Amino acid sequence: MNRTLDGKMIVDVAMAVSGHNYYGYVSPGENSAYVIMRENVAETEYRYAYGLGSAFATDWNSGNPSTLNFVRPNELNGRG
């Protein structure tokens, strides 16, 4: 079972950016983990980028989350 988004709350959405929709999820707490889910606009492909704490604001506000390293859920190796 993939638990990539378990316990995380959606905090930001960016739609139709370079052919993708982006959803930002953050775990509660000061040094929380985050996941940014990328979905193609055809809703047929989903990839994930992950990180910790305050880096979410930097990664999300970089102007285009597409610069992050997105992987398939099975490639997270429990880090999401």
C-alpha atoms as a PDB file:
ATOM      1  CA  MET A   1       0.000   0.000   0.000  1.00  0.00           C
ATOM      2  CA  ASN A   2       1.341   3.420  -0.922  1.00  0.00           C
ATOM      3  CA  ARG A   3       1.120   5.889   1.955  1.00  0.00           C
ATOM      4  CA  THR A   4       2.608   8.863   0.108  1.00  0.00           C
ATOM      5  CA  LEU A   5      -0.234  11.225   1.041  1.00  0.00           C
ATOM      6  CA  ASP A   6      -1.355   9.649   4.359  1.00  0.00           C
ATOM      7  CA  GLY A   7      -1.686  12.304   7.042  1.00  0.00           C
ATOM      8  CA  LYS A   8      -0.863  15.159   4.695  1.00  0.00           C
ATOM      9  CA  MET A   9      -3.191  18.083   3.970  1.00  0.00           C
ATOM     10  CA  ILE A  10      -3.540  19.769   0.597  1.00  0.00           C
ATOM     11  CA  VAL A  11      -2.353  23.372   0.848  1.00  0.00           C
ATOM     12  CA  ASP A  12      -1.780  24.591  -2.728  1.00  0.00           C
ATOM     13  CA  VAL A  13      -2.994  23.848  -6.254  1.00  0.00           C
ATOM     14  CA  ALA A  14      -1.669  25.090  -9.601  1.00  0.00           C
ATOM     15  CA  MET A  15      -3.705  24.116 -12.642  1.00  0.00           C
ATOM     16  CA  ALA A  16      -2.646  23.800 -16.296  1.00  0.00           C
ATOM     17  CA  VAL A  17       1.005  24.795 -15.874  1.00  0.00           C
ATOM     18  CA  SER A  18       2.978  23.548 -18.891  1.00  0.00           C
ATOM     19  CA  GLY A  19       0.487  20.720 -19.444  1.00  0.00           C
ATOM     20  CA  HIS A  20       0.329  19.611 -15.804  1.00  0.00           C
ATOM     21  CA  ASN A  21      -1.706  20.207 -12.672  1.00  0.00           C
ATOM     22  CA  TYR A  22       0.226  20.400  -9.377  1.00  0.00           C
ATOM     23  CA  TYR A  23      -1.074  19.656  -5.887  1.00  0.00           C
ATOM     24  CA  GLY A  24       0.947  20.508  -2.775  1.00  0.00           C
ATOM     25  CA  TYR A  25       0.456  18.384   0.354  1.00  0.00           C
ATOM     26  CA  VAL A  26       2.095  19.073   3.731  1.00  0.00           C
ATOM     27  CA  SER A  27       2.196  17.052   6.959  1.00  0.00           C
ATOM     28  CA  PRO A  28       1.190  18.877  10.136  1.00  0.00           C
ATOM     29  CA  GLY A  29       4.066  20.106  12.305  1.00  0.00           C
ATOM     30  CA  GLU A  30       6.931  22.564  12.161  1.00  0.00           C
ATOM     31  CA  ASN A  31       9.465  20.324  10.359  1.00  0.00           C
ATOM     32  CA  SER A  32       6.918  18.452   8.304  1.00  0.00           C
ATOM     33  CA  ALA A  33       7.344  16.416   5.161  1.00  0.00           C
ATOM     34  CA  TYR A  34       5.710  17.529   1.957  1.00  0.00           C
ATOM     35  CA  VAL A  35       4.713  15.959  -1.348  1.00  0.00           C
ATOM     36  CA  ILE A  36       3.970  17.752  -4.604  1.00  0.00           C
ATOM     37  CA  MET A  37       1.861  15.593  -6.899  1.00  0.00           C
ATOM     38  CA  ARG A  38       2.022  16.255 -10.644  1.00  0.00           C
ATOM     39  CA  GLU A  39      -0.862  15.128 -12.851  1.00  0.00           C
ATOM     40  CA  ASN A  40      -0.890  15.553 -16.615  1.00  0.00           C
ATOM     41  CA  VAL A  41      -3.951  17.442 -17.852  1.00  0.00           C
ATOM     42  CA  ALA A  42      -5.285  14.261 -19.489  1.00  0.00           C
ATOM     43  CA  GLU A  43      -5.372  12.761 -15.949  1.00  0.00           C
ATOM     44  CA  THR A  44      -3.480   9.660 -17.099  1.00  0.00           C
ATOM     45  CA  GLU A  45      -0.089  10.111 -15.398  1.00  0.00           C
ATOM     46  CA  TYR A  46       0.816  10.911 -11.789  1.00  0.00           C
ATOM     47  CA  ARG A  47       4.281  11.613 -10.382  1.00  0.00           C
ATOM     48  CA  TYR A  48       5.510  12.807  -6.999  1.00  0.00           C
ATOM     49  CA  ALA A  49       8.272  15.041  -5.617  1.00  0.00           C
ATOM     50  CA  TYR A  50       8.978  15.087  -1.895  1.00  0.00           C
ATOM     51  CA  GLY A  51      10.949  17.036   0.673  1.00  0.00           C
ATOM     52  CA  LEU A  52      11.008  18.342   4.221  1.00  0.00           C
ATOM     53  CA  GLY A  53       9.687  21.357   6.083  1.00  0.00           C
ATOM     54  CA  SER A  54      10.373  24.888   4.955  1.00  0.00           C
ATOM     55  CA  ALA A  55      11.663  23.730   1.549  1.00  0.00           C
ATOM     56  CA  PHE A  56       8.014  23.414   0.442  1.00  0.00           C
ATOM     57  CA  ALA A  57       7.604  27.188   0.173  1.00  0.00           C
ATOM     58  CA  THR A  58      10.793  27.477  -1.870  1.00  0.00           C
ATOM     59  CA  ASP A  59       9.972  24.531  -4.139  1.00  0.00           C
ATOM     60  CA  TRP A  60       6.353  25.572  -4.673  1.00  0.00           C
ATOM     61  CA  ASN A  61       7.080  29.283  -5.172  1.00  0.00           C
ATOM     62  CA  SER A  62      10.022  28.700  -7.501  1.00  0.00           C
ATOM     63  CA  GLY A  63       7.734  29.876 -10.287  1.00  0.00           C
ATOM     64  CA  ASN A  64       7.336  26.455 -11.820  1.00  0.00           C
ATOM     65  CA  PRO A  65       7.270  23.241  -9.781  1.00  0.00           C
ATOM     66  CA  SER A  66       8.149  21.330 -12.967  1.00  0.00           C
ATOM     67  CA  THR A  67      11.834  21.872 -12.142  1.00  0.00           C
ATOM     68  CA  LEU A  68      11.549  19.346  -9.275  1.00  0.00           C
ATOM     69  CA  ASN A  69      12.499  15.677  -9.577  1.00  0.00           C
ATOM     70  CA  PHE A  70       9.197  13.791 -10.013  1.00  0.00           C
ATOM     71  CA  VAL A  71       9.077  10.014  -9.659  1.00  0.00           C
ATOM     72  CA  ARG A  72       6.519   7.198  -9.692  1.00  0.00           C
ATOM     73  CA  PRO A  73       5.086   6.205  -6.284  1.00  0.00           C
ATOM     74  CA  ASN A  74       7.055   2.937  -6.269  1.00  0.00           C
ATOM     75  CA  GLU A  75      10.282   4.940  -6.691  1.00  0.00           C
ATOM     76  CA  LEU A  76       9.786   6.873  -3.440  1.00  0.00           C
ATOM     77  CA  ASN A  77      11.190   3.977  -1.397  1.00  0.00           C
ATOM     78  CA  GLY A  78       9.182   4.951   1.672  1.00  0.00           C
ATOM     79  CA  ARG A  79      10.477   8.532   1.671  1.00  0.00           C
ATOM     80  CA  GLY A  80       7.226  10.239   0.741  1.00  0.00           C
END
